N, C-alpha and C. Protein backbone atom coordinates (compact mmCIF):
# COMPACT_ATOMS: atom_id res chain seq x y z
N UNK A 1 -96.07 -37.53 -48.52
CA UNK A 1 -94.64 -37.48 -48.50
C UNK A 1 -94.10 -36.19 -49.04
N UNK A 2 -93.22 -35.50 -48.35
CA UNK A 2 -92.71 -34.26 -48.76
C UNK A 2 -91.83 -34.35 -49.95
N UNK A 3 -91.54 -33.20 -50.70
CA UNK A 3 -90.70 -33.22 -51.85
C UNK A 3 -89.36 -33.70 -51.42
N UNK A 4 -88.84 -33.20 -50.30
CA UNK A 4 -87.51 -33.61 -49.79
C UNK A 4 -87.40 -35.09 -49.66
N UNK A 5 -88.44 -35.72 -49.17
CA UNK A 5 -88.47 -37.18 -48.96
C UNK A 5 -88.48 -37.96 -50.21
N UNK A 6 -89.32 -37.43 -51.20
CA UNK A 6 -89.37 -38.14 -52.40
C UNK A 6 -88.20 -38.04 -53.22
N UNK A 7 -87.49 -37.01 -53.21
CA UNK A 7 -86.20 -36.81 -53.84
C UNK A 7 -85.22 -37.73 -53.24
N UNK A 8 -85.09 -37.63 -51.91
CA UNK A 8 -84.09 -38.56 -51.16
C UNK A 8 -84.41 -40.03 -51.51
N UNK A 9 -85.67 -40.46 -51.42
CA UNK A 9 -85.99 -41.84 -51.82
C UNK A 9 -85.52 -42.21 -53.16
N UNK A 10 -85.82 -41.37 -54.11
CA UNK A 10 -85.46 -41.71 -55.52
C UNK A 10 -83.94 -41.73 -55.69
N UNK A 11 -83.19 -40.75 -55.10
CA UNK A 11 -81.79 -40.76 -55.25
C UNK A 11 -81.11 -41.96 -54.44
N UNK A 12 -81.70 -42.58 -53.52
CA UNK A 12 -81.15 -43.75 -52.89
C UNK A 12 -80.91 -44.88 -53.88
N UNK A 13 -81.59 -44.90 -55.07
CA UNK A 13 -81.49 -45.94 -56.08
C UNK A 13 -80.55 -45.63 -57.07
N UNK A 14 -79.82 -44.50 -57.06
CA UNK A 14 -78.92 -44.04 -58.06
C UNK A 14 -77.52 -44.22 -57.51
N UNK A 15 -76.66 -45.13 -58.16
CA UNK A 15 -75.32 -45.37 -57.64
C UNK A 15 -74.53 -44.00 -57.70
N UNK A 16 -73.81 -43.83 -56.66
CA UNK A 16 -72.96 -42.63 -56.60
C UNK A 16 -71.54 -42.96 -56.30
N UNK A 17 -70.59 -42.47 -56.98
CA UNK A 17 -69.16 -42.75 -56.85
C UNK A 17 -68.78 -42.29 -55.40
N UNK A 18 -67.85 -43.14 -54.81
CA UNK A 18 -67.35 -42.80 -53.51
C UNK A 18 -65.90 -42.41 -53.59
N UNK A 19 -65.68 -41.19 -53.14
CA UNK A 19 -64.29 -40.65 -53.14
C UNK A 19 -63.90 -40.13 -51.87
N UNK A 20 -62.55 -40.14 -51.45
CA UNK A 20 -62.14 -39.48 -50.27
C UNK A 20 -61.22 -38.43 -50.78
N UNK A 21 -61.57 -37.28 -50.23
CA UNK A 21 -60.86 -35.90 -50.49
C UNK A 21 -60.01 -35.74 -49.36
N UNK A 22 -58.72 -35.37 -49.67
CA UNK A 22 -57.74 -35.09 -48.52
C UNK A 22 -57.16 -33.72 -48.82
N UNK A 23 -56.69 -33.05 -47.80
CA UNK A 23 -56.04 -31.70 -47.95
C UNK A 23 -55.32 -31.48 -46.67
N UNK A 24 -54.45 -30.43 -46.64
CA UNK A 24 -53.75 -30.02 -45.44
C UNK A 24 -54.08 -28.64 -45.08
N UNK A 25 -54.49 -28.47 -43.88
CA UNK A 25 -54.83 -27.17 -43.29
C UNK A 25 -53.59 -26.35 -42.91
N UNK A 26 -53.06 -25.51 -43.77
CA UNK A 26 -51.82 -24.77 -43.49
C UNK A 26 -51.84 -23.82 -42.46
N UNK A 27 -53.17 -23.38 -41.99
CA UNK A 27 -53.35 -22.54 -40.92
C UNK A 27 -52.94 -23.23 -39.55
N UNK A 28 -52.83 -24.52 -39.64
CA UNK A 28 -52.48 -25.35 -38.41
C UNK A 28 -51.03 -25.68 -38.54
N UNK A 29 -50.56 -26.09 -39.74
CA UNK A 29 -49.14 -26.54 -39.91
C UNK A 29 -48.77 -26.12 -41.27
N UNK A 30 -47.69 -25.46 -41.46
CA UNK A 30 -47.14 -25.07 -42.87
C UNK A 30 -46.21 -26.08 -43.37
N UNK A 31 -45.79 -27.15 -42.56
CA UNK A 31 -44.87 -28.13 -43.04
C UNK A 31 -45.44 -29.46 -43.30
N UNK A 32 -46.73 -29.64 -43.41
CA UNK A 32 -47.26 -30.95 -43.81
C UNK A 32 -47.46 -31.85 -42.56
N UNK A 33 -47.38 -31.33 -41.31
CA UNK A 33 -47.63 -32.16 -40.19
C UNK A 33 -48.91 -32.95 -40.15
N UNK A 34 -48.89 -34.16 -39.81
CA UNK A 34 -50.23 -34.94 -39.86
C UNK A 34 -51.36 -34.35 -39.00
N UNK A 35 -50.97 -33.49 -38.01
CA UNK A 35 -52.03 -32.79 -37.22
C UNK A 35 -52.84 -31.98 -38.11
N UNK A 36 -52.38 -31.52 -39.18
CA UNK A 36 -53.15 -30.59 -40.08
C UNK A 36 -53.80 -31.39 -41.29
N UNK A 37 -53.71 -32.62 -41.34
CA UNK A 37 -54.30 -33.31 -42.39
C UNK A 37 -55.82 -33.40 -42.10
N UNK A 38 -56.54 -33.30 -43.23
CA UNK A 38 -58.01 -33.38 -43.16
C UNK A 38 -58.47 -34.32 -44.34
N UNK A 39 -59.70 -34.98 -44.09
CA UNK A 39 -60.14 -35.82 -45.21
C UNK A 39 -61.70 -35.97 -45.04
N UNK A 40 -62.42 -36.21 -46.11
CA UNK A 40 -63.81 -36.41 -46.10
C UNK A 40 -64.24 -37.40 -47.17
N UNK A 41 -65.21 -38.26 -46.92
CA UNK A 41 -65.77 -39.10 -47.86
C UNK A 41 -66.94 -38.40 -48.51
N UNK A 42 -67.00 -38.37 -49.93
CA UNK A 42 -68.03 -37.67 -50.70
C UNK A 42 -68.58 -38.57 -51.71
N UNK A 43 -69.84 -38.43 -52.01
CA UNK A 43 -70.48 -39.31 -53.06
C UNK A 43 -71.02 -38.43 -54.18
N UNK A 44 -70.32 -37.27 -54.44
CA UNK A 44 -70.80 -36.43 -55.39
C UNK A 44 -69.56 -36.10 -56.35
N UNK A 45 -68.51 -36.85 -56.38
CA UNK A 45 -67.41 -36.53 -57.26
C UNK A 45 -67.75 -36.72 -58.69
N UNK A 46 -67.22 -35.85 -59.47
CA UNK A 46 -67.58 -35.85 -60.94
C UNK A 46 -66.58 -35.14 -61.79
N UNK A 47 -66.54 -35.40 -63.05
CA UNK A 47 -65.69 -34.64 -64.04
C UNK A 47 -66.66 -33.59 -64.62
N UNK A 48 -66.16 -32.41 -64.64
CA UNK A 48 -67.02 -31.36 -65.17
C UNK A 48 -66.71 -31.10 -66.70
N UNK A 49 -65.43 -31.15 -67.05
CA UNK A 49 -64.96 -31.04 -68.42
C UNK A 49 -63.54 -31.63 -68.49
N UNK A 50 -63.17 -31.95 -69.75
CA UNK A 50 -61.84 -32.50 -69.93
C UNK A 50 -60.98 -31.58 -70.79
N UNK A 51 -61.67 -30.56 -71.52
CA UNK A 51 -60.95 -29.61 -72.33
C UNK A 51 -61.45 -28.17 -72.12
N UNK A 52 -60.49 -27.27 -72.05
CA UNK A 52 -59.09 -27.41 -72.42
C UNK A 52 -58.22 -28.01 -71.33
N UNK A 53 -58.72 -27.97 -70.09
CA UNK A 53 -58.10 -28.67 -68.85
C UNK A 53 -59.03 -29.38 -68.19
N UNK A 54 -58.64 -30.55 -67.70
CA UNK A 54 -59.64 -31.38 -66.85
C UNK A 54 -60.01 -30.67 -65.60
N UNK A 55 -61.35 -30.61 -65.42
CA UNK A 55 -61.86 -29.91 -64.13
C UNK A 55 -62.68 -30.96 -63.46
N UNK A 56 -62.61 -31.09 -62.18
CA UNK A 56 -63.52 -32.03 -61.46
C UNK A 56 -64.29 -31.23 -60.30
N UNK A 57 -65.23 -31.82 -59.88
CA UNK A 57 -66.10 -31.11 -58.81
C UNK A 57 -66.66 -32.16 -57.72
N UNK A 58 -67.04 -31.65 -56.67
CA UNK A 58 -67.74 -32.39 -55.59
C UNK A 58 -68.46 -31.40 -54.69
N UNK A 59 -69.37 -31.99 -53.92
CA UNK A 59 -70.17 -31.17 -52.86
C UNK A 59 -69.51 -31.42 -51.40
N UNK A 60 -69.41 -30.41 -50.59
CA UNK A 60 -69.02 -30.64 -49.31
C UNK A 60 -69.66 -29.54 -48.31
N UNK A 61 -69.91 -29.93 -47.10
CA UNK A 61 -70.43 -29.00 -46.16
C UNK A 61 -69.57 -27.74 -46.00
N UNK A 62 -70.24 -26.67 -45.87
CA UNK A 62 -69.47 -25.38 -45.74
C UNK A 62 -68.59 -25.34 -44.42
N UNK A 63 -69.11 -25.97 -43.35
CA UNK A 63 -68.43 -26.04 -42.09
C UNK A 63 -67.48 -27.18 -41.97
N UNK A 64 -67.26 -27.91 -43.06
CA UNK A 64 -66.37 -29.06 -43.05
C UNK A 64 -64.82 -28.50 -42.76
N UNK A 65 -64.26 -29.20 -41.77
CA UNK A 65 -62.69 -28.87 -41.67
C UNK A 65 -61.88 -29.30 -42.87
N UNK A 66 -62.40 -30.21 -43.67
CA UNK A 66 -61.75 -30.57 -44.89
C UNK A 66 -61.87 -29.46 -45.94
N UNK A 67 -62.97 -28.79 -46.03
CA UNK A 67 -63.25 -27.69 -46.85
C UNK A 67 -62.31 -26.52 -46.46
N UNK A 68 -62.16 -26.38 -45.17
CA UNK A 68 -61.32 -25.27 -44.58
C UNK A 68 -59.82 -25.53 -45.01
N UNK A 69 -59.47 -26.74 -44.99
CA UNK A 69 -58.06 -27.12 -45.46
C UNK A 69 -57.88 -26.89 -46.89
N UNK A 70 -58.82 -27.19 -47.64
CA UNK A 70 -58.81 -26.89 -49.13
C UNK A 70 -58.63 -25.47 -49.30
N UNK A 71 -59.31 -24.55 -48.64
CA UNK A 71 -59.22 -23.17 -48.84
C UNK A 71 -57.87 -22.70 -48.41
N UNK A 72 -57.32 -23.15 -47.31
CA UNK A 72 -56.00 -22.49 -46.84
C UNK A 72 -54.91 -23.08 -47.78
N UNK A 73 -54.96 -24.36 -48.23
CA UNK A 73 -53.75 -24.85 -49.06
C UNK A 73 -53.90 -24.59 -50.48
N UNK A 74 -55.12 -24.58 -50.86
CA UNK A 74 -55.32 -24.45 -52.30
C UNK A 74 -55.18 -25.69 -53.11
N UNK A 75 -55.02 -26.86 -52.48
CA UNK A 75 -54.81 -28.15 -52.99
C UNK A 75 -55.62 -29.25 -52.41
N UNK A 76 -56.02 -30.28 -53.11
CA UNK A 76 -56.61 -31.43 -52.60
C UNK A 76 -56.29 -32.59 -53.44
N UNK A 77 -56.32 -33.81 -52.86
CA UNK A 77 -56.28 -35.12 -53.56
C UNK A 77 -57.57 -35.75 -53.59
N UNK A 78 -57.99 -36.49 -54.70
CA UNK A 78 -59.09 -37.27 -54.74
C UNK A 78 -58.69 -38.73 -54.87
N UNK A 79 -59.29 -39.53 -53.87
CA UNK A 79 -58.87 -40.98 -53.90
C UNK A 79 -60.12 -41.79 -54.18
N UNK A 80 -59.86 -42.66 -55.16
CA UNK A 80 -60.99 -43.65 -55.52
C UNK A 80 -60.52 -45.04 -55.27
N UNK A 81 -61.41 -45.92 -54.88
CA UNK A 81 -61.06 -47.27 -54.39
C UNK A 81 -61.93 -48.28 -55.22
N UNK A 82 -61.44 -49.45 -55.29
CA UNK A 82 -62.20 -50.63 -55.97
C UNK A 82 -63.15 -51.03 -54.97
N UNK A 83 -64.20 -51.83 -55.45
CA UNK A 83 -65.21 -52.39 -54.57
C UNK A 83 -64.74 -53.53 -53.78
N UNK A 84 -63.98 -53.22 -52.75
CA UNK A 84 -63.47 -54.34 -51.92
C UNK A 84 -63.54 -53.83 -50.41
N UNK A 85 -63.21 -54.74 -49.53
CA UNK A 85 -63.35 -54.40 -48.12
C UNK A 85 -62.46 -53.27 -47.57
N UNK A 86 -61.23 -53.33 -48.15
CA UNK A 86 -60.33 -52.28 -47.66
C UNK A 86 -60.72 -50.90 -48.18
N UNK A 87 -61.21 -50.76 -49.33
CA UNK A 87 -61.76 -49.53 -49.88
C UNK A 87 -62.87 -49.07 -49.17
N UNK A 88 -63.78 -49.98 -48.80
CA UNK A 88 -65.01 -49.59 -48.04
C UNK A 88 -64.56 -49.17 -46.55
N UNK A 89 -63.59 -49.87 -45.99
CA UNK A 89 -63.13 -49.51 -44.67
C UNK A 89 -62.56 -48.11 -44.61
N UNK A 90 -61.71 -47.78 -45.59
CA UNK A 90 -61.17 -46.44 -45.53
C UNK A 90 -62.28 -45.32 -45.87
N UNK A 91 -63.12 -45.62 -46.69
CA UNK A 91 -64.22 -44.72 -46.97
C UNK A 91 -65.04 -44.42 -45.70
N UNK A 92 -65.39 -45.50 -44.99
CA UNK A 92 -66.13 -45.42 -43.74
C UNK A 92 -65.31 -44.57 -42.71
N UNK A 93 -64.12 -44.76 -42.54
CA UNK A 93 -63.31 -43.93 -41.61
C UNK A 93 -63.41 -42.49 -41.81
N UNK A 94 -63.31 -42.11 -43.12
CA UNK A 94 -63.32 -40.65 -43.51
C UNK A 94 -64.78 -40.11 -43.56
N UNK A 95 -65.83 -41.01 -43.58
CA UNK A 95 -67.18 -40.53 -43.54
C UNK A 95 -67.52 -40.12 -42.06
N UNK A 96 -66.81 -40.47 -41.03
CA UNK A 96 -67.12 -40.20 -39.74
C UNK A 96 -66.63 -38.73 -39.32
N UNK A 97 -65.81 -38.05 -40.18
CA UNK A 97 -65.39 -36.76 -39.97
C UNK A 97 -63.97 -36.72 -39.36
N UNK A 98 -63.42 -35.61 -39.25
CA UNK A 98 -62.08 -35.38 -38.86
C UNK A 98 -61.86 -35.52 -37.25
N UNK A 99 -62.99 -35.36 -36.58
CA UNK A 99 -62.87 -35.49 -35.12
C UNK A 99 -62.51 -36.90 -34.76
N UNK A 100 -62.75 -37.77 -35.56
CA UNK A 100 -62.33 -39.20 -35.28
C UNK A 100 -60.87 -39.59 -35.60
N UNK A 101 -60.18 -38.56 -36.15
CA UNK A 101 -58.73 -38.67 -36.63
C UNK A 101 -58.56 -39.84 -37.62
N UNK A 102 -59.27 -39.80 -38.79
CA UNK A 102 -59.19 -40.82 -39.76
C UNK A 102 -57.84 -41.35 -40.18
N UNK A 103 -56.83 -40.43 -40.10
CA UNK A 103 -55.59 -40.77 -40.57
C UNK A 103 -54.70 -41.64 -39.54
N UNK A 104 -55.28 -41.79 -38.33
CA UNK A 104 -54.61 -42.31 -37.21
C UNK A 104 -55.19 -43.57 -36.72
N UNK A 105 -54.53 -44.47 -36.00
CA UNK A 105 -55.03 -45.58 -35.33
C UNK A 105 -55.54 -45.14 -34.01
N UNK A 106 -56.13 -45.99 -33.19
CA UNK A 106 -56.62 -45.67 -31.94
C UNK A 106 -55.52 -45.31 -30.93
N UNK A 107 -54.28 -45.83 -31.12
CA UNK A 107 -53.17 -45.51 -30.26
C UNK A 107 -52.46 -44.11 -30.68
N UNK A 108 -52.96 -43.50 -31.70
CA UNK A 108 -52.57 -42.28 -32.10
C UNK A 108 -51.43 -42.22 -33.17
N UNK A 109 -50.87 -43.45 -33.52
CA UNK A 109 -49.95 -43.57 -34.68
C UNK A 109 -50.65 -43.47 -35.92
N UNK A 110 -49.82 -43.14 -37.00
CA UNK A 110 -50.52 -43.06 -38.30
C UNK A 110 -51.01 -44.35 -38.77
N UNK A 111 -52.17 -44.36 -39.43
CA UNK A 111 -52.64 -45.61 -40.10
C UNK A 111 -51.78 -46.02 -41.22
N UNK A 112 -51.70 -47.31 -41.44
CA UNK A 112 -50.78 -47.87 -42.54
C UNK A 112 -50.98 -47.27 -43.83
N UNK A 113 -52.20 -46.76 -44.01
CA UNK A 113 -52.46 -46.27 -45.48
C UNK A 113 -52.11 -44.69 -45.58
N UNK A 114 -51.87 -44.05 -44.42
CA UNK A 114 -51.67 -42.62 -44.43
C UNK A 114 -50.23 -42.24 -44.75
N UNK A 115 -50.19 -41.30 -45.80
CA UNK A 115 -48.78 -40.90 -46.20
C UNK A 115 -48.73 -39.41 -46.53
N UNK A 116 -47.61 -38.80 -46.46
CA UNK A 116 -47.48 -37.49 -46.94
C UNK A 116 -46.93 -37.55 -48.35
N UNK A 117 -46.03 -38.52 -48.56
CA UNK A 117 -45.37 -38.66 -49.99
C UNK A 117 -45.25 -40.25 -50.10
N UNK A 118 -44.99 -40.61 -51.31
CA UNK A 118 -44.69 -41.99 -51.63
C UNK A 118 -43.74 -41.97 -52.86
N UNK A 119 -43.16 -43.19 -53.10
CA UNK A 119 -42.23 -43.27 -54.33
C UNK A 119 -42.91 -42.85 -55.56
N UNK A 120 -44.13 -43.04 -55.75
CA UNK A 120 -44.87 -42.79 -57.03
C UNK A 120 -45.61 -41.48 -56.89
N UNK A 121 -45.94 -40.97 -55.68
CA UNK A 121 -46.72 -39.71 -55.50
C UNK A 121 -45.90 -38.82 -54.58
N UNK A 122 -44.93 -37.96 -55.12
CA UNK A 122 -44.13 -37.06 -54.30
C UNK A 122 -45.13 -35.98 -53.70
N UNK A 123 -44.64 -35.33 -52.54
CA UNK A 123 -45.23 -34.23 -52.04
C UNK A 123 -44.48 -33.00 -52.74
N UNK A 124 -45.22 -32.39 -53.69
CA UNK A 124 -44.52 -31.32 -54.41
C UNK A 124 -44.22 -30.12 -53.64
N UNK A 125 -44.98 -29.78 -52.60
CA UNK A 125 -44.69 -28.53 -51.71
C UNK A 125 -45.21 -28.87 -50.32
N UNK A 126 -44.82 -28.04 -49.38
CA UNK A 126 -45.12 -28.29 -48.01
C UNK A 126 -46.71 -28.34 -47.78
N UNK A 127 -47.49 -27.63 -48.52
CA UNK A 127 -48.92 -27.65 -48.37
C UNK A 127 -49.60 -28.83 -49.12
N UNK A 128 -48.82 -29.83 -49.65
CA UNK A 128 -49.41 -30.94 -50.42
C UNK A 128 -50.34 -31.73 -49.58
N UNK A 129 -51.45 -32.12 -50.09
CA UNK A 129 -52.40 -33.02 -49.42
C UNK A 129 -51.91 -34.32 -49.13
N UNK A 130 -52.39 -34.92 -48.01
CA UNK A 130 -51.82 -36.28 -47.60
C UNK A 130 -52.31 -37.31 -48.66
N UNK A 131 -51.68 -38.37 -48.74
CA UNK A 131 -51.93 -39.53 -49.66
C UNK A 131 -52.45 -40.72 -48.89
N UNK A 132 -53.40 -41.29 -49.47
CA UNK A 132 -53.97 -42.56 -48.93
C UNK A 132 -53.25 -43.69 -49.83
N UNK A 133 -52.36 -44.41 -49.27
CA UNK A 133 -51.64 -45.46 -49.92
C UNK A 133 -52.38 -46.69 -49.98
N UNK A 134 -52.84 -47.06 -51.19
CA UNK A 134 -53.79 -48.11 -51.41
C UNK A 134 -53.58 -48.66 -52.75
N UNK A 135 -53.75 -49.90 -52.94
CA UNK A 135 -53.39 -50.58 -54.31
C UNK A 135 -54.77 -51.32 -54.67
N UNK A 136 -55.20 -51.21 -55.88
CA UNK A 136 -54.67 -50.21 -56.91
C UNK A 136 -54.83 -48.82 -56.66
N UNK A 137 -54.03 -48.00 -57.16
CA UNK A 137 -53.93 -46.54 -56.78
C UNK A 137 -54.79 -45.76 -57.87
N UNK A 138 -55.80 -45.11 -57.44
CA UNK A 138 -56.57 -44.17 -58.33
C UNK A 138 -56.56 -42.80 -57.55
N UNK A 139 -55.70 -41.95 -57.95
CA UNK A 139 -55.52 -40.62 -57.13
C UNK A 139 -55.49 -39.46 -58.12
N UNK A 140 -56.05 -38.45 -57.91
CA UNK A 140 -56.11 -37.17 -58.63
C UNK A 140 -55.66 -36.07 -57.83
N UNK A 141 -54.56 -35.47 -58.17
CA UNK A 141 -54.19 -34.15 -57.46
C UNK A 141 -54.81 -32.97 -58.10
N UNK A 142 -55.36 -32.24 -57.39
CA UNK A 142 -56.09 -30.91 -57.98
C UNK A 142 -55.71 -29.61 -57.32
N UNK A 143 -55.79 -28.51 -58.03
CA UNK A 143 -55.71 -27.22 -57.52
C UNK A 143 -57.06 -26.64 -57.35
N UNK A 144 -57.35 -26.16 -56.15
CA UNK A 144 -58.70 -25.58 -55.92
C UNK A 144 -58.87 -24.31 -56.77
N UNK A 145 -60.14 -24.09 -57.16
CA UNK A 145 -60.54 -22.97 -57.97
C UNK A 145 -61.54 -22.17 -57.19
N UNK A 146 -60.98 -21.33 -56.26
CA UNK A 146 -61.97 -20.59 -55.25
C UNK A 146 -62.95 -19.69 -56.07
N UNK A 147 -62.57 -19.20 -57.17
CA UNK A 147 -63.38 -18.30 -57.91
C UNK A 147 -64.62 -18.93 -58.48
N UNK A 148 -64.46 -20.28 -58.56
CA UNK A 148 -65.68 -21.16 -59.22
C UNK A 148 -66.45 -21.78 -58.24
N UNK A 149 -66.13 -21.72 -56.95
CA UNK A 149 -66.93 -22.34 -55.88
C UNK A 149 -68.33 -21.75 -55.74
N UNK A 150 -69.41 -22.65 -55.62
CA UNK A 150 -70.68 -22.16 -55.53
C UNK A 150 -71.30 -22.67 -54.29
N UNK A 151 -71.98 -21.63 -53.56
CA UNK A 151 -72.67 -22.00 -52.25
C UNK A 151 -74.08 -22.37 -52.61
N UNK A 152 -74.54 -23.57 -51.99
CA UNK A 152 -75.78 -23.94 -52.21
C UNK A 152 -76.28 -24.57 -50.91
N UNK A 153 -77.21 -23.81 -50.28
CA UNK A 153 -77.69 -24.24 -48.93
C UNK A 153 -76.55 -24.19 -47.96
N UNK A 154 -76.39 -25.46 -47.24
CA UNK A 154 -75.25 -25.64 -46.23
C UNK A 154 -74.07 -26.22 -46.92
N UNK A 155 -74.05 -26.35 -48.19
CA UNK A 155 -72.83 -26.98 -48.98
C UNK A 155 -72.26 -26.11 -49.91
N UNK A 156 -71.06 -26.39 -50.25
CA UNK A 156 -70.34 -25.69 -51.36
C UNK A 156 -70.06 -26.79 -52.58
N UNK A 157 -70.23 -26.28 -53.68
CA UNK A 157 -69.74 -27.11 -54.94
C UNK A 157 -68.23 -26.65 -55.16
N UNK A 158 -67.40 -27.63 -54.90
CA UNK A 158 -65.98 -27.31 -55.16
C UNK A 158 -65.56 -27.72 -56.43
N UNK A 159 -64.74 -26.87 -57.13
CA UNK A 159 -64.15 -27.27 -58.34
C UNK A 159 -62.60 -27.21 -58.27
N UNK A 160 -61.99 -28.17 -58.98
CA UNK A 160 -60.59 -28.36 -59.01
C UNK A 160 -59.95 -28.53 -60.33
N UNK A 161 -58.84 -27.90 -60.63
CA UNK A 161 -58.21 -28.26 -61.95
C UNK A 161 -57.17 -29.41 -61.62
N UNK A 162 -57.28 -30.41 -62.50
CA UNK A 162 -56.46 -31.60 -62.36
C UNK A 162 -54.95 -31.30 -62.68
N UNK A 163 -54.10 -31.48 -61.69
CA UNK A 163 -52.67 -31.32 -61.93
C UNK A 163 -51.97 -32.45 -62.29
N UNK A 164 -52.43 -33.57 -61.85
CA UNK A 164 -51.77 -34.94 -62.09
C UNK A 164 -52.75 -36.07 -61.65
N UNK A 165 -52.58 -37.10 -62.50
CA UNK A 165 -53.29 -38.38 -62.20
C UNK A 165 -52.31 -39.40 -61.86
N UNK A 166 -52.43 -40.11 -60.74
CA UNK A 166 -51.70 -41.30 -60.39
C UNK A 166 -52.51 -42.56 -60.43
N UNK A 167 -52.18 -43.48 -61.28
CA UNK A 167 -53.02 -44.67 -61.34
C UNK A 167 -52.07 -45.78 -61.60
N UNK A 168 -52.27 -46.88 -60.84
CA UNK A 168 -51.63 -48.17 -60.93
C UNK A 168 -52.52 -49.16 -61.18
N UNK A 169 -52.67 -49.56 -62.41
CA UNK A 169 -53.78 -50.43 -62.87
C UNK A 169 -53.54 -51.85 -63.05
N UNK A 170 -52.31 -52.22 -62.56
CA UNK A 170 -51.81 -53.67 -62.67
C UNK A 170 -52.92 -54.63 -62.10
N UNK A 171 -53.33 -55.46 -62.92
CA UNK A 171 -54.35 -56.52 -62.46
C UNK A 171 -55.76 -55.99 -62.34
N UNK A 172 -56.13 -54.79 -62.86
CA UNK A 172 -57.41 -54.29 -62.77
C UNK A 172 -58.02 -54.53 -64.19
N UNK A 173 -59.14 -55.27 -64.20
CA UNK A 173 -59.79 -55.58 -65.42
C UNK A 173 -60.80 -54.59 -65.90
N UNK A 174 -61.35 -54.77 -67.15
CA UNK A 174 -62.25 -53.92 -67.70
C UNK A 174 -63.58 -53.85 -66.97
N UNK A 175 -63.88 -54.96 -66.29
CA UNK A 175 -65.23 -54.94 -65.57
C UNK A 175 -65.08 -54.59 -63.99
N UNK A 176 -63.79 -54.23 -63.65
CA UNK A 176 -63.62 -53.74 -62.23
C UNK A 176 -64.07 -52.24 -62.17
N UNK A 177 -64.84 -52.01 -61.19
CA UNK A 177 -65.36 -50.54 -60.98
C UNK A 177 -64.98 -50.02 -59.66
N UNK A 178 -64.90 -48.63 -59.61
CA UNK A 178 -64.57 -48.13 -58.33
C UNK A 178 -65.72 -48.27 -57.34
N UNK A 179 -65.39 -48.06 -56.12
CA UNK A 179 -66.39 -48.16 -55.01
C UNK A 179 -67.57 -47.10 -55.26
N UNK A 180 -68.77 -47.68 -54.99
CA UNK A 180 -69.95 -46.76 -55.09
C UNK A 180 -70.90 -46.95 -54.03
N UNK A 181 -71.77 -46.06 -53.85
CA UNK A 181 -72.73 -46.00 -52.80
C UNK A 181 -74.17 -46.05 -53.36
N UNK A 182 -75.00 -46.93 -52.91
CA UNK A 182 -76.37 -47.06 -53.45
C UNK A 182 -77.36 -47.68 -52.44
N UNK A 183 -78.50 -47.12 -52.33
CA UNK A 183 -79.57 -47.56 -51.40
C UNK A 183 -79.09 -47.69 -49.93
N UNK A 184 -78.24 -46.66 -49.53
CA UNK A 184 -77.82 -46.61 -48.15
C UNK A 184 -76.69 -47.46 -47.79
N UNK A 185 -75.93 -48.00 -48.72
CA UNK A 185 -74.80 -48.88 -48.36
C UNK A 185 -73.72 -48.82 -49.43
N UNK A 186 -72.50 -49.21 -49.08
CA UNK A 186 -71.43 -49.32 -50.09
C UNK A 186 -71.67 -50.71 -51.02
N UNK A 187 -71.24 -50.54 -52.18
CA UNK A 187 -71.46 -51.64 -53.20
C UNK A 187 -70.76 -52.91 -52.73
N UNK A 188 -71.23 -54.01 -53.02
CA UNK A 188 -70.71 -55.31 -52.67
C UNK A 188 -70.10 -55.96 -53.88
N UNK A 189 -70.23 -55.41 -54.92
CA UNK A 189 -69.71 -55.98 -56.16
C UNK A 189 -69.90 -55.13 -57.31
N UNK A 190 -69.43 -55.47 -58.55
CA UNK A 190 -69.43 -54.61 -59.73
C UNK A 190 -70.85 -54.46 -60.21
N UNK A 191 -71.07 -53.38 -60.94
CA UNK A 191 -72.39 -53.19 -61.64
C UNK A 191 -72.50 -54.11 -62.70
N UNK A 192 -73.73 -54.39 -63.15
CA UNK A 192 -73.91 -55.17 -64.36
C UNK A 192 -73.55 -54.41 -65.68
N UNK A 193 -73.01 -55.12 -66.50
CA UNK A 193 -72.53 -54.43 -67.80
C UNK A 193 -73.28 -55.11 -68.97
N UNK A 194 -73.56 -54.20 -69.99
CA UNK A 194 -74.00 -54.64 -71.14
C UNK A 194 -73.04 -54.44 -72.32
N UNK A 195 -73.24 -54.76 -73.53
CA UNK A 195 -72.27 -54.58 -74.61
C UNK A 195 -71.76 -53.10 -74.64
N UNK A 196 -70.62 -52.92 -75.08
CA UNK A 196 -70.10 -51.57 -75.37
C UNK A 196 -70.72 -51.02 -76.59
N UNK A 197 -70.80 -49.70 -76.67
CA UNK A 197 -71.42 -49.13 -77.80
C UNK A 197 -70.26 -48.29 -78.45
């Protein structure tokens, strides 16, 4: 078995957080038109540091249209979901790539979860990234740090400075966890917990 296969086999057993990254490609539209919205599901989202300013990171293919949107607008949203069917359904839509128009229904109309702004999450500027309207809401708005981006093989490690966190945690308990991916599939329930330290 090759080293590649051994690492891949090992990492299949490690739970990874599932996040959907959204951004607006302002080279296509400068006014936030849905035709310029881009999004991708990633399983590499992480916090890098909290001090002095929170910084997050994720990996994305260099040729991704979502990465292109991040570069043109300088902004992106990170969306996290609970381990439920709706969260999994949204993550699966964005895992198929932007050619499948994940923000739209088959008839071309916007999907019920796709928004440019909402009452709780305003669009600060025309290049604001689109919002996935989902409850409970776990969303992080970030400013892209291009000088920190790192090229690794066919991927980029993207870093973002957190500008704002939007969370609506009504009804979310201590044992509820965000959607994760392990052993080739999305989680069907929460991780096991031991006593807090």
